[in-house]
């Protein structure tokens, strides 16, 4: 009788530990994927140049005329 109760509690504890380790592994993989996605998005954003803002500050006027020499 006592052995059955202890065996049941041990089995329940084993299942809980297994579930928690599985959850941790899944969360770590998800976290790694999100970090990679964030760094990729950050790299893409950093590469872009604010072309129109740069040209507007040079001329201080609202109309912008584009020439091939000015755009590089």
PDB file of N, CA and C in Angstrom:
ATOM      1  N   UNK A   1       0.821  -1.192   0.000  1.00  0.00           N
ATOM      2  CA  UNK A   1       0.000   0.000   0.000  1.00  0.00           C
ATOM      3  C   UNK A   1       0.869   1.262   0.000  1.00  0.00           C
ATOM      4  N   UNK A   2       1.816   1.332   0.928  1.00  0.00           N
ATOM      5  CA  UNK A   2       2.702   2.496   1.008  1.00  0.00           C
ATOM      6  C   UNK A   2       3.594   2.548  -0.230  1.00  0.00           C
ATOM      7  N   UNK A   3       4.046   1.404  -0.682  1.00  0.00           N
ATOM      8  CA  UNK A   3       4.898   1.346  -1.868  1.00  0.00           C
ATOM      9  C   UNK A   3       4.162   1.856  -3.107  1.00  0.00           C
ATOM     10  N   UNK A   4       2.882   1.572  -3.203  1.00  0.00           N
ATOM     11  CA  UNK A   4       2.085   2.039  -4.340  1.00  0.00           C
ATOM     12  C   UNK A   4       1.960   3.561  -4.338  1.00  0.00           C
ATOM     13  N   UNK A   5       1.770   4.148  -3.161  1.00  0.00           N
ATOM     14  CA  UNK A   5       1.649   5.609  -3.040  1.00  0.00           C
ATOM     15  C   UNK A   5       2.978   6.263  -3.407  1.00  0.00           C
ATOM     16  N   UNK A   6       4.068   5.712  -2.896  1.00  0.00           N
ATOM     17  CA  UNK A   6       5.392   6.264  -3.202  1.00  0.00           C
ATOM     18  C   UNK A   6       5.698   6.104  -4.687  1.00  0.00           C
ATOM     19  N   UNK A   7       5.334   4.959  -5.250  1.00  0.00           N
ATOM     20  CA  UNK A   7       5.564   4.722  -6.675  1.00  0.00           C
ATOM     21  C   UNK A   7       4.752   5.696  -7.529  1.00  0.00           C
ATOM     22  N   UNK A   8       3.525   5.973  -7.120  1.00  0.00           N
ATOM     23  CA  UNK A   8       2.673   6.926  -7.834  1.00  0.00           C
ATOM     24  C   UNK A   8       3.254   8.333  -7.764  1.00  0.00           C
ATOM     25  N   UNK A   9       3.718   8.732  -6.593  1.00  0.00           N
ATOM     26  CA  UNK A   9       4.325  10.055  -6.438  1.00  0.00           C
ATOM     27  C   UNK A   9       5.622  10.162  -7.239  1.00  0.00           C
ATOM     28  N   UNK A  10       6.404   9.093  -7.264  1.00  0.00           N
ATOM     29  CA  UNK A  10       7.652   9.092  -8.030  1.00  0.00           C
ATOM     30  C   UNK A  10       7.356   9.215  -9.521  1.00  0.00           C
ATOM     31  N   UNK A  11       6.334   8.501  -9.992  1.00  0.00           N
ATOM     32  CA  UNK A  11       5.957   8.572 -11.405  1.00  0.00           C
ATOM     33  C   UNK A  11       5.465   9.973 -11.752  1.00  0.00           C
ATOM     34  N   UNK A  12       4.668  10.567 -10.860  1.00  0.00           N
ATOM     35  CA  UNK A  12       4.165  11.922 -11.081  1.00  0.00           C
ATOM     36  C   UNK A  12       5.326  12.928 -11.127  1.00  0.00           C
ATOM     37  N   UNK A  13       6.288  12.771 -10.220  1.00  0.00           N
ATOM     38  CA  UNK A  13       7.460  13.639 -10.194  1.00  0.00           C
ATOM     39  C   UNK A  13       8.289  13.469 -11.464  1.00  0.00           C
ATOM     40  N   UNK A  14       8.437  12.251 -11.915  1.00  0.00           N
ATOM     41  CA  UNK A  14       9.186  11.987 -13.148  1.00  0.00           C
ATOM     42  C   UNK A  14       8.511  12.646 -14.348  1.00  0.00           C
ATOM     43  N   UNK A  15       7.201  12.549 -14.425  1.00  0.00           N
ATOM     44  CA  UNK A  15       6.456  13.190 -15.518  1.00  0.00           C
ATOM     45  C   UNK A  15       6.584  14.709 -15.465  1.00  0.00           C
ATOM     46  N   UNK A  16       6.550  15.266 -14.266  1.00  0.00           N
ATOM     47  CA  UNK A  16       6.681  16.720 -14.118  1.00  0.00           C
ATOM     48  C   UNK A  16       8.062  17.189 -14.573  1.00  0.00           C
ATOM     49  N   UNK A  17       9.096  16.479 -14.170  1.00  0.00           N
ATOM     50  CA  UNK A  17      10.465  16.838 -14.563  1.00  0.00           C
ATOM     51  C   UNK A  17      10.624  16.715 -16.073  1.00  0.00           C
ATOM     52  N   UNK A  18      10.078  15.653 -16.652  1.00  0.00           N
ATOM     53  CA  UNK A  18      10.166  15.467 -18.101  1.00  0.00           C
ATOM     54  C   UNK A  18       9.451  16.595 -18.838  1.00  0.00           C
ATOM     55  N   UNK A  19       8.273  16.977 -18.364  1.00  0.00           N
ATOM     56  CA  UNK A  19       7.511  18.060 -19.001  1.00  0.00           C
ATOM     57  C   UNK A  19       8.264  19.380 -18.900  1.00  0.00           C
ATOM     58  N   UNK A  20       8.828  19.662 -17.733  1.00  0.00           N
ATOM     59  CA  UNK A  20       9.553  20.925 -17.548  1.00  0.00           C
ATOM     60  C   UNK A  20      10.806  20.990 -18.416  1.00  0.00           C
ATOM     61  N   UNK A  21      11.552  19.892 -18.523  1.00  0.00           N
ATOM     62  CA  UNK A  21      12.748  19.909 -19.367  1.00  0.00           C
ATOM     63  C   UNK A  21      12.378  20.063 -20.837  1.00  0.00           C
ATOM     64  N   UNK A  22      11.267  19.464 -21.237  1.00  0.00           N
ATOM     65  CA  UNK A  22      10.802  19.620 -22.619  1.00  0.00           C
ATOM     66  C   UNK A  22      10.388  21.057 -22.886  1.00  0.00           C
ATOM     67  N   UNK A  23       9.658  21.660 -21.942  1.00  0.00           N
ATOM     68  CA  UNK A  23       9.232  23.052 -22.088  1.00  0.00           C
ATOM     69  C   UNK A  23      10.432  23.992 -22.173  1.00  0.00           C
ATOM     70  N   UNK A  24      11.442  23.732 -21.361  1.00  0.00           N
ATOM     71  CA  UNK A  24      12.640  24.574 -21.375  1.00  0.00           C
ATOM     72  C   UNK A  24      13.354  24.469 -22.718  1.00  0.00           C
ATOM     73  N   UNK A  25      13.460  23.272 -23.250  1.00  0.00           N
ATOM     74  CA  UNK A  25      14.121  23.081 -24.547  1.00  0.00           C
ATOM     75  C   UNK A  25      13.367  23.806 -25.650  1.00  0.00           C
ATOM     76  N   UNK A  26      12.044  23.715 -25.634  1.00  0.00           N
ATOM     77  CA  UNK A  26      11.228  24.394 -26.647  1.00  0.00           C
ATOM     78  C   UNK A  26      11.378  25.901 -26.525  1.00  0.00           C
ATOM     79  N   UNK A  27      11.330  26.418 -25.305  1.00  0.00           N
ATOM     80  CA  UNK A  27      11.461  27.860 -25.098  1.00  0.00           C
ATOM     81  C   UNK A  27      12.838  28.378 -25.502  1.00  0.00           C
ATOM     82  N   UNK A  28      13.869  27.594 -25.259  1.00  0.00           N
ATOM     83  CA  UNK A  28      15.216  28.010 -25.676  1.00  0.00           C
ATOM     84  C   UNK A  28      15.320  28.098 -27.195  1.00  0.00           C
ATOM     85  N   UNK A  29      14.761  27.116 -27.893  1.00  0.00           N
ATOM     86  CA  UNK A  29      14.786  27.149 -29.357  1.00  0.00           C
ATOM     87  C   UNK A  29      13.981  28.328 -29.894  1.00  0.00           C
ATOM     88  N   UNK A  30      12.826  28.581 -29.288  1.00  0.00           N
ATOM     89  CA  UNK A  30      12.002  29.716 -29.709  1.00  0.00           C
ATOM     90  C   UNK A  30      12.727  31.034 -29.457  1.00  0.00           C
ATOM     91  N   UNK A  31      13.372  31.137 -28.306  1.00  0.00           N
ATOM     92  CA  UNK A  31      14.118  32.343 -27.967  1.00  0.00           C
ATOM     93  C   UNK A  31      15.262  32.570 -28.947  1.00  0.00           C
ATOM     94  N   UNK A  32      15.974  31.515 -29.297  1.00  0.00           N
ATOM     95  CA  UNK A  32      17.080  31.621 -30.253  1.00  0.00           C
ATOM     96  C   UNK A  32      16.574  32.089 -31.621  1.00  0.00           C
ATOM     97  N   UNK A  33      15.443  31.521 -32.055  1.00  0.00           N
ATOM     98  CA  UNK A  33      14.868  31.934 -33.336  1.00  0.00           C
ATOM     99  C   UNK A  33      14.439  33.389 -33.329  1.00  0.00           C
ATOM    100  N   UNK A  34      13.845  33.830 -32.230  1.00  0.00           N
ATOM    101  CA  UNK A  34      13.430  35.232 -32.139  1.00  0.00           C
ATOM    102  C   UNK A  34      14.625  36.170 -32.113  1.00  0.00           C
ATOM    103  N   UNK A  35      15.688  35.759 -31.437  1.00  0.00           N
ATOM    104  CA  UNK A  35      16.900  36.595 -31.424  1.00  0.00           C
ATOM    105  C   UNK A  35      17.498  36.728 -32.828  1.00  0.00           C
ATOM    106  N   UNK A  36      17.519  35.618 -33.574  1.00  0.00           N
ATOM    107  CA  UNK A  36      18.037  35.670 -34.943  1.00  0.00           C
ATOM    108  C   UNK A  36      17.169  36.563 -35.815  1.00  0.00           C
ATOM    109  N   UNK A  37      15.856  36.443 -35.676  1.00  0.00           N
ATOM    110  CA  UNK A  37      14.948  37.276 -36.472  1.00  0.00           C
ATOM    111  C   UNK A  37      15.143  38.748 -36.135  1.00  0.00           C
ATOM    112  N   UNK A  38      15.309  39.048 -34.856  1.00  0.00           N
ATOM    113  CA  UNK A  38      15.508  40.434 -34.443  1.00  0.00           C
ATOM    114  C   UNK A  38      16.818  40.990 -34.974  1.00  0.00           C
ATOM    115  N   UNK A  39      17.881  40.194 -34.905  1.00  0.00           N
ATOM    116  CA  UNK A  39      19.171  40.688 -35.399  1.00  0.00           C
ATOM    117  C   UNK A  39      19.139  40.871 -36.912  1.00  0.00           C
ATOM    118  N   UNK A  40      18.437  39.974 -37.637  1.00  0.00           N
ATOM    119  CA  UNK A  40      18.305  40.144 -39.090  1.00  0.00           C
ATOM    120  C   UNK A  40      17.534  41.404 -39.419  1.00  0.00           C
ATOM    121  N   UNK A  41      16.471  41.665 -38.687  1.00  0.00           N
ATOM    122  CA  UNK A  41      15.677  42.870 -38.923  1.00  0.00           C
ATOM    123  C   UNK A  41      16.493  44.120 -38.601  1.00  0.00           C
ATOM    124  N   UNK A  42      17.280  44.037 -37.549  1.00  0.00           N
ATOM    125  CA  UNK A  42      18.115  45.166 -37.152  1.00  0.00           C
ATOM    126  C   UNK A  42      19.181  45.458 -38.208  1.00  0.00           C
ATOM    127  N   UNK A  43      19.764  44.390 -38.788  1.00  0.00           N
ATOM    128  CA  UNK A  43      20.775  44.567 -39.837  1.00  0.00           C
ATOM    129  C   UNK A  43      20.167  45.197 -41.082  1.00  0.00           C
ATOM    130  N   UNK A  44      18.975  44.753 -41.453  1.00  0.00           N
ATOM    131  CA  UNK A  44      18.325  45.309 -42.639  1.00  0.00           C
ATOM    132  C   UNK A  44      18.003  46.781 -42.444  1.00  0.00           C
ATOM    133  N   UNK A  45      17.561  47.134 -41.244  1.00  0.00           N
ATOM    134  CA  UNK A  45      17.210  48.515 -40.963  1.00  0.00           C
ATOM    135  C   UNK A  45      18.446  49.404 -40.959  1.00  0.00           C
ATOM    136  N   UNK A  46      19.570  48.892 -40.483  1.00  0.00           N
ATOM    137  CA  UNK A  46      20.794  49.678 -40.390  1.00  0.00           C
ATOM    138  C   UNK A  46      21.392  49.962 -41.765  1.00  0.00           C
ATOM    139  N   UNK A  47      21.129  49.126 -42.743  1.00  0.00           N
ATOM    140  CA  UNK A  47      21.728  49.301 -44.066  1.00  0.00           C
ATOM    141  C   UNK A  47      21.072  50.415 -44.869  1.00  0.00           C
ATOM    142  N   UNK A  48      19.808  50.690 -44.610  1.00  0.00           N
ATOM    143  CA  UNK A  48      19.092  51.698 -45.375  1.00  0.00           C
ATOM    144  C   UNK A  48      19.603  53.095 -45.100  1.00  0.00           C
ATOM    145  N   UNK A  49      19.623  53.935 -46.131  1.00  0.00           N
ATOM    146  CA  UNK A  49      20.090  55.310 -45.968  1.00  0.00           C
ATOM    147  C   UNK A  49      18.906  56.265 -46.141  1.00  0.00           C
ATOM    148  N   UNK A  50      18.793  57.260 -45.303  1.00  0.00           N
ATOM    149  CA  UNK A  50      17.715  58.227 -45.448  1.00  0.00           C
ATOM    150  C   UNK A  50      18.033  59.218 -46.568  1.00  0.00           C
ATOM    151  N   UNK A  51      17.872  58.798 -47.800  1.00  0.00           N
ATOM    152  CA  UNK A  51      18.279  59.573 -48.969  1.00  0.00           C
ATOM    153  C   UNK A  51      17.524  60.892 -49.066  1.00  0.00           C
ATOM    154  N   UNK A  52      16.212  60.828 -48.913  1.00  0.00           N
ATOM    155  CA  UNK A  52      15.421  62.045 -49.098  1.00  0.00           C
ATOM    156  C   UNK A  52      15.695  63.069 -48.001  1.00  0.00           C
ATOM    157  N   UNK A  53      15.853  62.622 -46.783  1.00  0.00           N
ATOM    158  CA  UNK A  53      16.144  63.562 -45.689  1.00  0.00           C
ATOM    159  C   UNK A  53      17.509  64.212 -45.891  1.00  0.00           C
ATOM    160  N   UNK A  54      18.480  63.443 -46.360  1.00  0.00           N
ATOM    161  CA  UNK A  54      19.810  63.995 -46.585  1.00  0.00           C
ATOM    162  C   UNK A  54      19.773  65.055 -47.692  1.00  0.00           C
ATOM    163  N   UNK A  55      19.058  64.786 -48.755  1.00  0.00           N
ATOM    164  CA  UNK A  55      18.977  65.746 -49.853  1.00  0.00           C
ATOM    165  C   UNK A  55      18.207  66.999 -49.449  1.00  0.00           C
ATOM    166  N   UNK A  56      17.180  66.840 -48.635  1.00  0.00           N
ATOM    167  CA  UNK A  56      16.408  68.013 -48.199  1.00  0.00           C
ATOM    168  C   UNK A  56      17.232  68.915 -47.284  1.00  0.00           C
ATOM    169  N   UNK A  57      18.062  68.355 -46.437  1.00  0.00           N
ATOM    170  CA  UNK A  57      18.861  69.188 -45.542  1.00  0.00           C
ATOM    171  C   UNK A  57      19.932  69.957 -46.300  1.00  0.00           C
ATOM    172  N   UNK A  58      20.385  69.418 -47.427  1.00  0.00           N
ATOM    173  CA  UNK A  58      21.400  70.128 -48.206  1.00  0.00           C
ATOM    174  C   UNK A  58      20.809  71.345 -48.913  1.00  0.00           C
ATOM    175  N   UNK A  59      19.565  71.234 -49.377  1.00  0.00           N
ATOM    176  CA  UNK A  59      18.993  72.315 -50.174  1.00  0.00           C
ATOM    177  C   UNK A  59      18.037  73.207 -49.398  1.00  0.00           C
ATOM    178  N   UNK A  60      17.459  72.720 -48.307  1.00  0.00           N
ATOM    179  CA  UNK A  60      16.498  73.467 -47.499  1.00  0.00           C
ATOM    180  C   UNK A  60      15.298  73.960 -48.295  1.00  0.00           C
ATOM    181  N   UNK A  61      14.905  73.247 -49.302  1.00  0.00           N
ATOM    182  CA  UNK A  61      13.697  73.583 -50.042  1.00  0.00           C
ATOM    183  C   UNK A  61      12.825  72.340 -50.162  1.00  0.00           C
ATOM    184  N   UNK A  62      11.563  72.553 -50.508  1.00  0.00           N
ATOM    185  CA  UNK A  62      10.633  71.432 -50.552  1.00  0.00           C
ATOM    186  C   UNK A  62      10.698  70.667 -51.861  1.00  0.00           C
ATOM    187  N   UNK A  63      11.065  71.317 -52.934  1.00  0.00           N
ATOM    188  CA  UNK A  63      11.161  70.639 -54.226  1.00  0.00           C
ATOM    189  C   UNK A  63      12.558  70.032 -54.358  1.00  0.00           C
ATOM    190  N   UNK A  64      12.596  68.792 -54.775  1.00  0.00           N
ATOM    191  CA  UNK A  64      13.877  68.111 -54.943  1.00  0.00           C
ATOM    192  C   UNK A  64      14.006  67.672 -56.394  1.00  0.00           C
ATOM    193  N   UNK A  65      15.106  68.072 -57.009  1.00  0.00           N
ATOM    194  CA  UNK A  65      15.414  67.651 -58.366  1.00  0.00           C
ATOM    195  C   UNK A  65      16.572  66.659 -58.287  1.00  0.00           C
ATOM    196  N   UNK A  66      16.375  65.506 -58.894  1.00  0.00           N
ATOM    197  CA  UNK A  66      17.385  64.458 -58.837  1.00  0.00           C
ATOM    198  C   UNK A  66      18.288  64.511 -60.060  1.00  0.00           C
ATOM    199  N   UNK A  67      19.573  64.353 -59.800  1.00  0.00           N
ATOM    200  CA  UNK A  67      20.526  64.255 -60.891  1.00  0.00           C
ATOM    201  C   UNK A  67      21.413  63.040 -60.619  1.00  0.00           C
ATOM    202  N   UNK A  68      21.925  62.397 -61.645  1.00  0.00           N
ATOM    203  CA  UNK A  68      22.747  61.205 -61.428  1.00  0.00           C
ATOM    204  C   UNK A  68      24.033  61.500 -60.657  1.00  0.00           C
ATOM    205  N   UNK A  69      24.533  62.694 -60.712  1.00  0.00           N
ATOM    206  CA  UNK A  69      25.754  63.015 -59.989  1.00  0.00           C
ATOM    207  C   UNK A  69      25.509  63.110 -58.474  1.00  0.00           C
ATOM    208  N   UNK A  70      24.329  63.532 -58.085  1.00  0.00           N
ATOM    209  CA  UNK A  70      24.034  63.731 -56.687  1.00  0.00           C
ATOM    210  C   UNK A  70      23.696  62.428 -55.965  1.00  0.00           C
ATOM    211  N   UNK A  71      23.092  61.477 -56.675  1.00  0.00           N
ATOM    212  CA  UNK A  71      22.692  60.202 -56.074  1.00  0.00           C
ATOM    213  C   UNK A  71      23.809  59.201 -56.276  1.00  0.00           C
ATOM    214  N   UNK A  72      24.325  58.699 -55.151  1.00  0.00           N
ATOM    215  CA  UNK A  72      25.432  57.723 -55.217  1.00  0.00           C
ATOM    216  C   UNK A  72      25.096  56.525 -54.381  1.00  0.00           C
TER     217      UNK A  72
END
